[in-house]
Amino acid sequence: MKRFPAWTRRRVVQMLVGNLFIGLGVALFRMAGFGTDPFSSMNLAISGGIGWTFGNWQLLMNVCLLVVVALLQRHDLGLGTVVNMVGIGYLADFFCWLFQTAAQAPDVLPLRIVYLLLALVCLPAGLAMYIEASLGMAPYDAMPFVWETYTRGKLPFAKARIVDDLTCVAVAVTACVLSHHSIWSVLGVGTICNALLQGPLTQLFRRRFAIPKAGG
Protein backbone atom coordinates (compact mmCIF):
# COMPACT_ATOMS: atom_id res chain seq x y z
CA MET A 1 0.00 0.00 0.00
CA LYS A 2 1.33 3.39 -0.96
CA ARG A 3 2.09 5.61 2.00
CA PHE A 4 0.56 9.03 2.40
CA PRO A 5 3.01 11.75 1.38
CA ALA A 6 4.62 13.73 4.21
CA TRP A 7 2.57 16.83 3.34
CA THR A 8 -0.69 14.93 3.76
CA ARG A 9 0.46 13.31 6.99
CA ARG A 10 1.35 16.72 8.40
CA ARG A 11 -2.09 18.05 7.55
CA VAL A 12 -3.83 15.11 9.24
CA VAL A 13 -1.67 15.38 12.36
CA GLN A 14 -2.16 19.14 12.56
CA MET A 15 -5.92 18.76 12.16
CA LEU A 16 -6.05 16.20 14.99
CA VAL A 17 -3.80 18.23 17.30
CA GLY A 18 -5.87 21.32 16.53
CA ASN A 19 -9.04 19.56 17.61
CA LEU A 20 -7.30 18.38 20.79
CA PHE A 21 -6.51 22.01 21.60
CA ILE A 22 -10.10 23.03 20.88
CA GLY A 23 -11.39 20.30 23.19
CA LEU A 24 -8.96 21.44 25.88
CA GLY A 25 -10.06 25.05 25.40
CA VAL A 26 -13.73 24.15 25.74
CA ALA A 27 -12.96 22.18 28.92
CA LEU A 28 -11.02 25.12 30.37
CA PHE A 29 -13.93 27.44 29.64
CA ARG A 30 -16.27 25.06 31.42
CA MET A 31 -13.95 24.78 34.42
CA ALA A 32 -13.47 28.55 34.62
CA GLY A 33 -17.20 29.09 34.97
CA PHE A 34 -17.24 32.50 33.28
CA GLY A 35 -19.68 31.58 30.54
CA THR A 36 -19.36 29.42 27.46
CA ASP A 37 -18.63 30.25 23.82
CA PRO A 38 -21.09 32.56 21.97
CA PHE A 39 -22.57 29.83 19.75
CA SER A 40 -23.30 27.56 22.71
CA SER A 41 -24.65 30.52 24.71
CA MET A 42 -27.09 31.35 21.93
CA ASN A 43 -28.24 27.75 21.68
CA LEU A 44 -28.62 27.45 25.45
CA ALA A 45 -30.76 30.61 25.55
CA ILE A 46 -33.01 29.61 22.65
CA SER A 47 -33.44 25.98 23.69
CA GLY A 48 -34.28 27.04 27.25
CA GLY A 49 -36.80 29.56 25.97
CA ILE A 50 -38.67 27.18 23.67
CA GLY A 51 -38.46 24.11 25.90
CA TRP A 52 -36.09 22.05 23.76
CA THR A 53 -33.09 20.18 25.06
CA PHE A 54 -29.78 21.90 24.35
CA GLY A 55 -28.48 18.91 22.39
CA ASN A 56 -31.46 18.74 20.04
CA TRP A 57 -31.45 22.47 19.31
CA GLN A 58 -27.68 22.61 18.78
CA LEU A 59 -27.92 19.63 16.43
CA LEU A 60 -30.60 21.43 14.40
CA MET A 61 -28.49 24.60 14.20
CA ASN A 62 -25.44 22.62 13.11
CA VAL A 63 -27.44 20.83 10.41
CA CYS A 64 -28.81 24.16 9.11
CA LEU A 65 -25.33 25.69 8.97
CA LEU A 66 -23.97 22.52 7.39
CA VAL A 67 -26.50 22.87 4.56
CA VAL A 68 -25.55 26.52 4.05
CA VAL A 69 -21.82 25.75 3.92
CA ALA A 70 -22.39 22.72 1.67
CA LEU A 71 -24.26 24.92 -0.81
CA LEU A 72 -21.97 27.94 -0.72
CA GLN A 73 -18.50 26.72 0.28
CA ARG A 74 -18.36 22.96 0.01
CA HIS A 75 -14.56 22.82 -0.01
CA ASP A 76 -14.57 23.87 3.67
CA LEU A 77 -16.14 20.52 4.60
CA GLY A 78 -14.16 17.33 5.01
CA LEU A 79 -12.59 14.96 7.52
CA GLY A 80 -11.94 17.84 9.92
CA THR A 81 -15.66 18.63 9.90
CA VAL A 82 -16.54 15.14 11.11
CA VAL A 83 -13.75 15.01 13.71
CA ASN A 84 -14.76 18.39 15.13
CA MET A 85 -18.52 17.85 15.19
CA VAL A 86 -18.26 14.35 16.67
CA GLY A 87 -15.19 14.62 18.86
CA ILE A 88 -15.09 18.00 20.60
CA GLY A 89 -17.76 17.25 23.19
CA TYR A 90 -16.09 13.98 24.14
CA LEU A 91 -12.66 15.59 24.25
CA ALA A 92 -13.93 18.36 26.52
CA ASP A 93 -15.54 15.80 28.82
CA PHE A 94 -12.29 13.82 28.90
CA PHE A 95 -10.18 16.83 29.84
CA CYS A 96 -12.66 17.83 32.53
CA TRP A 97 -12.48 14.30 33.94
CA LEU A 98 -8.67 14.36 33.64
CA PHE A 99 -8.51 17.50 35.74
CA GLN A 100 -10.92 15.86 38.22
CA THR A 101 -13.37 18.76 38.12
CA ALA A 102 -16.38 17.03 36.52
CA ALA A 103 -16.96 20.27 34.59
CA GLN A 104 -17.54 22.20 37.83
CA ALA A 105 -15.95 25.65 38.14
CA PRO A 106 -13.22 25.69 40.80
CA ASP A 107 -13.92 27.70 43.92
CA VAL A 108 -10.63 29.62 43.83
CA LEU A 109 -11.07 32.78 41.76
CA PRO A 110 -7.40 33.17 40.69
CA LEU A 111 -7.41 29.60 39.35
CA ARG A 112 -10.62 30.26 37.44
CA ILE A 113 -9.00 33.32 35.86
CA VAL A 114 -5.98 31.22 34.85
CA TYR A 115 -8.32 28.67 33.25
CA LEU A 116 -10.07 31.48 31.35
CA LEU A 117 -6.81 32.95 30.05
CA LEU A 118 -5.58 29.52 28.97
CA ALA A 119 -8.89 28.85 27.23
CA LEU A 120 -8.63 32.15 25.34
CA VAL A 121 -5.29 30.93 23.93
CA CYS A 122 -6.05 27.23 23.41
CA LEU A 123 -9.27 27.75 21.44
CA PRO A 124 -7.93 30.09 18.73
CA ALA A 125 -4.65 28.15 18.52
CA GLY A 126 -6.54 24.91 17.94
CA LEU A 127 -8.93 26.58 15.53
CA ALA A 128 -6.02 27.99 13.53
CA MET A 129 -4.31 24.61 13.41
CA TYR A 130 -7.26 22.71 12.02
CA ILE A 131 -8.25 25.50 9.63
CA GLU A 132 -4.76 25.63 8.14
CA ALA A 133 -4.71 21.85 7.77
CA SER A 134 -7.34 22.40 5.03
CA LEU A 135 -9.18 19.17 5.78
CA GLY A 136 -12.53 20.72 6.60
CA MET A 137 -14.03 22.47 9.59
CA ALA A 138 -17.24 22.63 11.58
CA PRO A 139 -20.07 24.62 9.92
CA TYR A 140 -19.97 27.48 12.44
CA ASP A 141 -16.20 27.82 12.00
CA ALA A 142 -16.67 27.87 8.22
CA MET A 143 -19.20 30.71 8.24
CA PRO A 144 -16.60 33.54 8.43
CA PHE A 145 -15.05 32.18 5.25
CA VAL A 146 -18.46 32.23 3.59
CA TRP A 147 -18.82 35.93 4.48
CA GLU A 148 -15.25 36.62 3.36
CA THR A 149 -15.91 34.97 0.00
CA TYR A 150 -19.28 36.56 -0.69
CA THR A 151 -18.23 40.06 0.41
CA ARG A 152 -15.16 39.71 -1.83
CA GLY A 153 -12.80 40.23 1.06
CA LYS A 154 -14.56 43.29 2.48
CA LEU A 155 -15.34 41.26 5.60
CA PRO A 156 -12.16 39.24 6.26
CA PHE A 157 -12.06 36.22 8.52
CA ALA A 158 -11.13 37.97 11.79
CA LYS A 159 -13.86 40.61 11.48
CA ALA A 160 -16.41 38.12 10.18
CA ARG A 161 -15.79 35.87 13.19
CA ILE A 162 -16.34 38.80 15.56
CA VAL A 163 -19.58 39.66 13.74
CA ASP A 164 -20.76 36.04 13.97
CA ASP A 165 -19.88 35.75 17.66
CA LEU A 166 -21.41 39.11 18.65
CA THR A 167 -24.55 38.20 16.69
CA CYS A 168 -24.81 35.01 18.75
CA VAL A 169 -24.41 37.05 21.95
CA ALA A 170 -27.14 39.46 20.82
CA VAL A 171 -29.51 36.60 19.98
CA ALA A 172 -28.76 34.96 23.34
CA VAL A 173 -29.59 38.18 25.20
CA THR A 174 -32.79 38.64 23.19
CA ALA A 175 -33.88 35.03 23.81
CA CYS A 176 -33.26 35.41 27.55
CA VAL A 177 -35.26 38.66 27.72
CA LEU A 178 -38.18 37.18 25.77
CA SER A 179 -38.26 34.03 27.91
CA HIS A 180 -37.72 35.98 31.16
CA HIS A 181 -34.56 34.03 31.98
CA SER A 182 -31.46 35.55 33.53
CA ILE A 183 -29.00 36.71 30.87
CA TRP A 184 -26.12 35.56 33.07
CA SER A 185 -27.47 32.04 33.10
CA VAL A 186 -25.98 31.59 29.62
CA LEU A 187 -23.53 34.48 29.28
CA GLY A 188 -20.44 35.55 31.20
CA VAL A 189 -17.31 37.62 30.92
CA GLY A 190 -15.65 34.66 29.20
CA THR A 191 -18.34 34.70 26.51
CA ILE A 192 -17.67 38.37 25.76
CA CYS A 193 -13.88 37.89 25.76
CA ASN A 194 -14.30 34.94 23.41
CA ALA A 195 -16.52 36.92 21.06
CA LEU A 196 -14.09 39.84 20.81
CA LEU A 197 -10.78 37.99 20.78
CA GLN A 198 -11.24 34.64 19.06
CA GLY A 199 -11.34 36.01 15.50
CA PRO A 200 -8.22 38.20 15.75
CA LEU A 201 -6.24 35.62 17.76
CA THR A 202 -7.16 32.83 15.34
CA GLN A 203 -5.99 34.95 12.43
CA LEU A 204 -2.72 35.60 14.27
CA PHE A 205 -2.18 31.90 14.92
CA ARG A 206 -3.08 31.00 11.32
CA ARG A 207 0.12 32.68 10.15
CA ARG A 208 2.09 30.54 12.59
CA PHE A 209 0.47 27.23 11.61
CA ALA A 210 0.14 27.77 7.84
CA ILE A 211 1.29 24.68 5.92
CA PRO A 212 3.16 25.37 2.66
CA LYS A 213 1.67 23.71 -0.38
CA ALA A 214 3.17 20.40 -1.49
CA GLY A 215 6.27 21.02 -3.51
CA GLY A 216 6.30 24.68 -2.39
C-alpha atoms as a PDB file:
ATOM      1  CA  MET A   1       0.000   0.000   0.000  1.00  0.00           C
ATOM      2  CA  LYS A   2       1.335   3.394  -0.965  1.00  0.00           C
ATOM      3  CA  ARG A   3       2.092   5.606   2.001  1.00  0.00           C
ATOM      4  CA  PHE A   4       0.557   9.027   2.397  1.00  0.00           C
ATOM      5  CA  PRO A   5       3.011  11.748   1.379  1.00  0.00           C
ATOM      6  CA  ALA A   6       4.623  13.729   4.206  1.00  0.00           C
ATOM      7  CA  TRP A   7       2.569  16.835   3.342  1.00  0.00           C
ATOM      8  CA  THR A   8      -0.688  14.931   3.758  1.00  0.00           C
ATOM      9  CA  ARG A   9       0.463  13.309   6.994  1.00  0.00           C
ATOM     10  CA  ARG A  10       1.351  16.716   8.402  1.00  0.00           C
ATOM     11  CA  ARG A  11      -2.095  18.054   7.547  1.00  0.00           C
ATOM     12  CA  VAL A  12      -3.831  15.112   9.242  1.00  0.00           C
ATOM     13  CA  VAL A  13      -1.667  15.381  12.361  1.00  0.00           C
ATOM     14  CA  GLN A  14      -2.157  19.145  12.561  1.00  0.00           C
ATOM     15  CA  MET A  15      -5.923  18.762  12.162  1.00  0.00           C
ATOM     16  CA  LEU A  16      -6.053  16.198  14.990  1.00  0.00           C
ATOM     17  CA  VAL A  17      -3.802  18.235  17.298  1.00  0.00           C
ATOM     18  CA  GLY A  18      -5.873  21.323  16.535  1.00  0.00           C
ATOM     19  CA  ASN A  19      -9.039  19.562  17.615  1.00  0.00           C
ATOM     20  CA  LEU A  20      -7.303  18.384  20.791  1.00  0.00           C
ATOM     21  CA  PHE A  21      -6.509  22.013  21.603  1.00  0.00           C
ATOM     22  CA  ILE A  22     -10.098  23.030  20.883  1.00  0.00           C
ATOM     23  CA  GLY A  23     -11.387  20.295  23.192  1.00  0.00           C
ATOM     24  CA  LEU A  24      -8.960  21.442  25.880  1.00  0.00           C
ATOM     25  CA  GLY A  25     -10.056  25.047  25.404  1.00  0.00           C
ATOM     26  CA  VAL A  26     -13.728  24.147  25.738  1.00  0.00           C
ATOM     27  CA  ALA A  27     -12.961  22.180  28.920  1.00  0.00           C
ATOM     28  CA  LEU A  28     -11.016  25.115  30.369  1.00  0.00           C
ATOM     29  CA  PHE A  29     -13.933  27.443  29.636  1.00  0.00           C
ATOM     30  CA  ARG A  30     -16.273  25.063  31.423  1.00  0.00           C
ATOM     31  CA  MET A  31     -13.950  24.776  34.421  1.00  0.00           C
ATOM     32  CA  ALA A  32     -13.469  28.546  34.616  1.00  0.00           C
ATOM     33  CA  GLY A  33     -17.202  29.086  34.975  1.00  0.00           C
ATOM     34  CA  PHE A  34     -17.235  32.503  33.282  1.00  0.00           C
ATOM     35  CA  GLY A  35     -19.676  31.579  30.537  1.00  0.00           C
ATOM     36  CA  THR A  36     -19.362  29.416  27.463  1.00  0.00           C
ATOM     37  CA  ASP A  37     -18.630  30.248  23.825  1.00  0.00           C
ATOM     38  CA  PRO A  38     -21.089  32.561  21.972  1.00  0.00           C
ATOM     39  CA  PHE A  39     -22.574  29.831  19.751  1.00  0.00           C
ATOM     40  CA  SER A  40     -23.304  27.563  22.711  1.00  0.00           C
ATOM     41  CA  SER A  41     -24.649  30.524  24.707  1.00  0.00           C
ATOM     42  CA  MET A  42     -27.090  31.346  21.932  1.00  0.00           C
ATOM     43  CA  ASN A  43     -28.244  27.748  21.685  1.00  0.00           C
ATOM     44  CA  LEU A  44     -28.624  27.452  25.455  1.00  0.00           C
ATOM     45  CA  ALA A  45     -30.758  30.610  25.552  1.00  0.00           C
ATOM     46  CA  ILE A  46     -33.008  29.610  22.647  1.00  0.00           C
ATOM     47  CA  SER A  47     -33.440  25.977  23.693  1.00  0.00           C
ATOM     48  CA  GLY A  48     -34.279  27.036  27.250  1.00  0.00           C
ATOM     49  CA  GLY A  49     -36.804  29.558  25.974  1.00  0.00           C
ATOM     50  CA  ILE A  50     -38.673  27.176  23.671  1.00  0.00           C
ATOM     51  CA  GLY A  51     -38.463  24.109  25.900  1.00  0.00           C
ATOM     52  CA  TRP A  52     -36.089  22.053  23.757  1.00  0.00           C
ATOM     53  CA  THR A  53     -33.087  20.178  25.064  1.00  0.00           C
ATOM     54  CA  PHE A  54     -29.782  21.897  24.352  1.00  0.00           C
ATOM     55  CA  GLY A  55     -28.477  18.913  22.390  1.00  0.00           C
ATOM     56  CA  ASN A  56     -31.464  18.742  20.044  1.00  0.00           C
ATOM     57  CA  TRP A  57     -31.452  22.474  19.307  1.00  0.00           C
ATOM     58  CA  GLN A  58     -27.678  22.615  18.778  1.00  0.00           C
ATOM     59  CA  LEU A  59     -27.922  19.634  16.429  1.00  0.00           C
ATOM     60  CA  LEU A  60     -30.605  21.431  14.400  1.00  0.00           C
ATOM     61  CA  MET A  61     -28.491  24.600  14.195  1.00  0.00           C
ATOM     62  CA  ASN A  62     -25.444  22.618  13.109  1.00  0.00           C
ATOM     63  CA  VAL A  63     -27.444  20.832  10.409  1.00  0.00           C
ATOM     64  CA  CYS A  64     -28.813  24.163   9.106  1.00  0.00           C
ATOM     65  CA  LEU A  65     -25.329  25.695   8.973  1.00  0.00           C
ATOM     66  CA  LEU A  66     -23.970  22.520   7.395  1.00  0.00           C
ATOM     67  CA  VAL A  67     -26.497  22.866   4.563  1.00  0.00           C
ATOM     68  CA  VAL A  68     -25.547  26.522   4.046  1.00  0.00           C
ATOM     69  CA  VAL A  69     -21.819  25.752   3.919  1.00  0.00           C
ATOM     70  CA  ALA A  70     -22.390  22.720   1.675  1.00  0.00           C
ATOM     71  CA  LEU A  71     -24.263  24.917  -0.805  1.00  0.00           C
ATOM     72  CA  LEU A  72     -21.971  27.939  -0.723  1.00  0.00           C
ATOM     73  CA  GLN A  73     -18.501  26.721   0.280  1.00  0.00           C
ATOM     74  CA  ARG A  74     -18.360  22.961   0.006  1.00  0.00           C
ATOM     75  CA  HIS A  75     -14.556  22.822  -0.009  1.00  0.00           C
ATOM     76  CA  ASP A  76     -14.565  23.867   3.665  1.00  0.00           C
ATOM     77  CA  LEU A  77     -16.136  20.525   4.603  1.00  0.00           C
ATOM     78  CA  GLY A  78     -14.161  17.326   5.008  1.00  0.00           C
ATOM     79  CA  LEU A  79     -12.590  14.960   7.517  1.00  0.00           C
ATOM     80  CA  GLY A  80     -11.939  17.837   9.918  1.00  0.00           C
ATOM     81  CA  THR A  81     -15.662  18.635   9.900  1.00  0.00           C
ATOM     82  CA  VAL A  82     -16.535  15.138  11.110  1.00  0.00           C
ATOM     83  CA  VAL A  83     -13.753  15.011  13.707  1.00  0.00           C
ATOM     84  CA  ASN A  84     -14.764  18.391  15.132  1.00  0.00           C
ATOM     85  CA  MET A  85     -18.525  17.845  15.190  1.00  0.00           C
ATOM     86  CA  VAL A  86     -18.265  14.350  16.671  1.00  0.00           C
ATOM     87  CA  GLY A  87     -15.194  14.624  18.859  1.00  0.00           C
ATOM     88  CA  ILE A  88     -15.088  18.002  20.597  1.00  0.00           C
ATOM     89  CA  GLY A  89     -17.756  17.253  23.186  1.00  0.00           C
ATOM     90  CA  TYR A  90     -16.093  13.984  24.139  1.00  0.00           C
ATOM     91  CA  LEU A  91     -12.658  15.595  24.249  1.00  0.00           C
ATOM     92  CA  ALA A  92     -13.928  18.357  26.519  1.00  0.00           C
ATOM     93  CA  ASP A  93     -15.539  15.798  28.817  1.00  0.00           C
ATOM     94  CA  PHE A  94     -12.293  13.823  28.902  1.00  0.00           C
ATOM     95  CA  PHE A  95     -10.182  16.830  29.838  1.00  0.00           C
ATOM     96  CA  CYS A  96     -12.663  17.834  32.534  1.00  0.00           C
ATOM     97  CA  TRP A  97     -12.476  14.304  33.939  1.00  0.00           C
ATOM     98  CA  LEU A  98      -8.670  14.362  33.645  1.00  0.00           C
ATOM     99  CA  PHE A  99      -8.506  17.502  35.742  1.00  0.00           C
ATOM    100  CA  GLN A 100     -10.922  15.865  38.218  1.00  0.00           C
ATOM    101  CA  THR A 101     -13.371  18.756  38.125  1.00  0.00           C
ATOM    102  CA  ALA A 102     -16.384  17.027  36.525  1.00  0.00           C
ATOM    103  CA  ALA A 103     -16.962  20.272  34.593  1.00  0.00           C
ATOM    104  CA  GLN A 104     -17.536  22.197  37.833  1.00  0.00           C
ATOM    105  CA  ALA A 105     -15.949  25.646  38.141  1.00  0.00           C
ATOM    106  CA  PRO A 106     -13.219  25.685  40.802  1.00  0.00           C
ATOM    107  CA  ASP A 107     -13.919  27.698  43.920  1.00  0.00           C
ATOM    108  CA  VAL A 108     -10.630  29.618  43.830  1.00  0.00           C
ATOM    109  CA  LEU A 109     -11.068  32.784  41.759  1.00  0.00           C
ATOM    110  CA  PRO A 110      -7.399  33.165  40.693  1.00  0.00           C
ATOM    111  CA  LEU A 111      -7.407  29.599  39.355  1.00  0.00           C
ATOM    112  CA  ARG A 112     -10.622  30.262  37.439  1.00  0.00           C
ATOM    113  CA  ILE A 113      -8.999  33.319  35.855  1.00  0.00           C
ATOM    114  CA  VAL A 114      -5.981  31.218  34.846  1.00  0.00           C
ATOM    115  CA  TYR A 115      -8.321  28.673  33.246  1.00  0.00           C
ATOM    116  CA  LEU A 116     -10.074  31.479  31.352  1.00  0.00           C
ATOM    117  CA  LEU A 117      -6.807  32.946  30.054  1.00  0.00           C
ATOM    118  CA  LEU A 118      -5.575  29.516  28.970  1.00  0.00           C
ATOM    119  CA  ALA A 119      -8.887  28.849  27.228  1.00  0.00           C
ATOM    120  CA  LEU A 120      -8.630  32.146  25.337  1.00  0.00           C
ATOM    121  CA  VAL A 121      -5.294  30.935  23.929  1.00  0.00           C
ATOM    122  CA  CYS A 122      -6.053  27.227  23.412  1.00  0.00           C
ATOM    123  CA  LEU A 123      -9.274  27.748  21.439  1.00  0.00           C
ATOM    124  CA  PRO A 124      -7.928  30.093  18.733  1.00  0.00           C
ATOM    125  CA  ALA A 125      -4.654  28.152  18.519  1.00  0.00           C
ATOM    126  CA  GLY A 126      -6.545  24.913  17.944  1.00  0.00           C
ATOM    127  CA  LEU A 127      -8.933  26.576  15.529  1.00  0.00           C
ATOM    128  CA  ALA A 128      -6.024  27.988  13.527  1.00  0.00           C
ATOM    129  CA  MET A 129      -4.313  24.606  13.407  1.00  0.00           C
ATOM    130  CA  TYR A 130      -7.261  22.708  12.018  1.00  0.00           C
ATOM    131  CA  ILE A 131      -8.254  25.503   9.629  1.00  0.00           C
ATOM    132  CA  GLU A 132      -4.762  25.631   8.144  1.00  0.00           C
ATOM    133  CA  ALA A 133      -4.712  21.849   7.769  1.00  0.00           C
ATOM    134  CA  SER A 134      -7.342  22.399   5.033  1.00  0.00           C
ATOM    135  CA  LEU A 135      -9.176  19.166   5.778  1.00  0.00           C
ATOM    136  CA  GLY A 136     -12.532  20.717   6.597  1.00  0.00           C
ATOM    137  CA  MET A 137     -14.029  22.472   9.590  1.00  0.00           C
ATOM    138  CA  ALA A 138     -17.244  22.634  11.583  1.00  0.00           C
ATOM    139  CA  PRO A 139     -20.074  24.619   9.923  1.00  0.00           C
ATOM    140  CA  TYR A 140     -19.968  27.484  12.439  1.00  0.00           C
ATOM    141  CA  ASP A 141     -16.200  27.818  12.003  1.00  0.00           C
ATOM    142  CA  ALA A 142     -16.668  27.873   8.223  1.00  0.00           C
ATOM    143  CA  MET A 143     -19.203  30.712   8.239  1.00  0.00           C
ATOM    144  CA  PRO A 144     -16.604  33.542   8.432  1.00  0.00           C
ATOM    145  CA  PHE A 145     -15.053  32.179   5.251  1.00  0.00           C
ATOM    146  CA  VAL A 146     -18.464  32.234   3.589  1.00  0.00           C
ATOM    147  CA  TRP A 147     -18.823  35.932   4.483  1.00  0.00           C
ATOM    148  CA  GLU A 148     -15.249  36.621   3.361  1.00  0.00           C
ATOM    149  CA  THR A 149     -15.912  34.975  -0.001  1.00  0.00           C
ATOM    150  CA  TYR A 150     -19.282  36.560  -0.694  1.00  0.00           C
ATOM    151  CA  THR A 151     -18.231  40.059   0.414  1.00  0.00           C
ATOM    152  CA  ARG A 152     -15.161  39.712  -1.832  1.00  0.00           C
ATOM    153  CA  GLY A 153     -12.798  40.233   1.061  1.00  0.00           C
ATOM    154  CA  LYS A 154     -14.556  43.294   2.482  1.00  0.00           C
ATOM    155  CA  LEU A 155     -15.340  41.260   5.598  1.00  0.00           C
ATOM    156  CA  PRO A 156     -12.164  39.242   6.260  1.00  0.00           C
ATOM    157  CA  PHE A 157     -12.060  36.216   8.523  1.00  0.00           C
ATOM    158  CA  ALA A 158     -11.125  37.971  11.794  1.00  0.00           C
ATOM    159  CA  LYS A 159     -13.859  40.610  11.482  1.00  0.00           C
ATOM    160  CA  ALA A 160     -16.410  38.116  10.184  1.00  0.00           C
ATOM    161  CA  ARG A 161     -15.789  35.866  13.192  1.00  0.00           C
ATOM    162  CA  ILE A 162     -16.338  38.803  15.560  1.00  0.00           C
ATOM    163  CA  VAL A 163     -19.579  39.660  13.741  1.00  0.00           C
ATOM    164  CA  ASP A 164     -20.765  36.036  13.974  1.00  0.00           C
ATOM    165  CA  ASP A 165     -19.880  35.754  17.662  1.00  0.00           C
ATOM    166  CA  LEU A 166     -21.413  39.110  18.650  1.00  0.00           C
ATOM    167  CA  THR A 167     -24.549  38.196  16.690  1.00  0.00           C
ATOM    168  CA  CYS A 168     -24.807  35.007  18.753  1.00  0.00           C
ATOM    169  CA  VAL A 169     -24.414  37.048  21.945  1.00  0.00           C
ATOM    170  CA  ALA A 170     -27.143  39.464  20.824  1.00  0.00           C
ATOM    171  CA  VAL A 171     -29.506  36.602  19.978  1.00  0.00           C
ATOM    172  CA  ALA A 172     -28.765  34.960  23.345  1.00  0.00           C
ATOM    173  CA  VAL A 173     -29.586  38.184  25.204  1.00  0.00           C
ATOM    174  CA  THR A 174     -32.789  38.639  23.189  1.00  0.00           C
ATOM    175  CA  ALA A 175     -33.877  35.035  23.812  1.00  0.00           C
ATOM    176  CA  CYS A 176     -33.264  35.411  27.553  1.00  0.00           C
ATOM    177  CA  VAL A 177     -35.259  38.659  27.718  1.00  0.00           C
ATOM    178  CA  LEU A 178     -38.183  37.180  25.773  1.00  0.00           C
ATOM    179  CA  SER A 179     -38.258  34.032  27.906  1.00  0.00           C
ATOM    180  CA  HIS A 180     -37.716  35.979  31.159  1.00  0.00           C
ATOM    181  CA  HIS A 181     -34.558  34.028  31.978  1.00  0.00           C
ATOM    182  CA  SER A 182     -31.456  35.546  33.532  1.00  0.00           C
ATOM    183  CA  ILE A 183     -29.001  36.707  30.869  1.00  0.00           C
ATOM    184  CA  TRP A 184     -26.121  35.562  33.065  1.00  0.00           C
ATOM    185  CA  SER A 185     -27.466  32.039  33.105  1.00  0.00           C
ATOM    186  CA  VAL A 186     -25.981  31.590  29.616  1.00  0.00           C
ATOM    187  CA  LEU A 187     -23.528  34.484  29.281  1.00  0.00           C
ATOM    188  CA  GLY A 188     -20.437  35.546  31.205  1.00  0.00           C
ATOM    189  CA  VAL A 189     -17.306  37.618  30.919  1.00  0.00           C
ATOM    190  CA  GLY A 190     -15.650  34.656  29.202  1.00  0.00           C
ATOM    191  CA  THR A 191     -18.338  34.703  26.506  1.00  0.00           C
ATOM    192  CA  ILE A 192     -17.666  38.372  25.755  1.00  0.00           C
ATOM    193  CA  CYS A 193     -13.885  37.895  25.760  1.00  0.00           C
ATOM    194  CA  ASN A 194     -14.300  34.941  23.413  1.00  0.00           C
ATOM    195  CA  ALA A 195     -16.521  36.924  21.056  1.00  0.00           C
ATOM    196  CA  LEU A 196     -14.093  39.842  20.812  1.00  0.00           C
ATOM    197  CA  LEU A 197     -10.777  37.986  20.781  1.00  0.00           C
ATOM    198  CA  GLN A 198     -11.240  34.643  19.056  1.00  0.00           C
ATOM    199  CA  GLY A 199     -11.344  36.006  15.501  1.00  0.00           C
ATOM    200  CA  PRO A 200      -8.215  38.201  15.753  1.00  0.00           C
ATOM    201  CA  LEU A 201      -6.243  35.619  17.756  1.00  0.00           C
ATOM    202  CA  THR A 202      -7.162  32.831  15.345  1.00  0.00           C
ATOM    203  CA  GLN A 203      -5.992  34.955  12.426  1.00  0.00           C
ATOM    204  CA  LEU A 204      -2.717  35.604  14.270  1.00  0.00           C
ATOM    205  CA  PHE A 205      -2.176  31.898  14.918  1.00  0.00           C
ATOM    206  CA  ARG A 206      -3.085  30.998  11.321  1.00  0.00           C
ATOM    207  CA  ARG A 207       0.117  32.677  10.147  1.00  0.00           C
ATOM    208  CA  ARG A 208       2.086  30.542  12.589  1.00  0.00           C
ATOM    209  CA  PHE A 209       0.469  27.233  11.607  1.00  0.00           C
ATOM    210  CA  ALA A 210       0.137  27.770   7.845  1.00  0.00           C
ATOM    211  CA  ILE A 211       1.291  24.683   5.920  1.00  0.00           C
ATOM    212  CA  PRO A 212       3.156  25.366   2.659  1.00  0.00           C
ATOM    213  CA  LYS A 213       1.667  23.707  -0.383  1.00  0.00           C
ATOM    214  CA  ALA A 214       3.165  20.397  -1.494  1.00  0.00           C
ATOM    215  CA  GLY A 215       6.269  21.022  -3.507  1.00  0.00           C
ATOM    216  CA  GLY A 216       6.304  24.675  -2.387  1.00  0.00           C
END
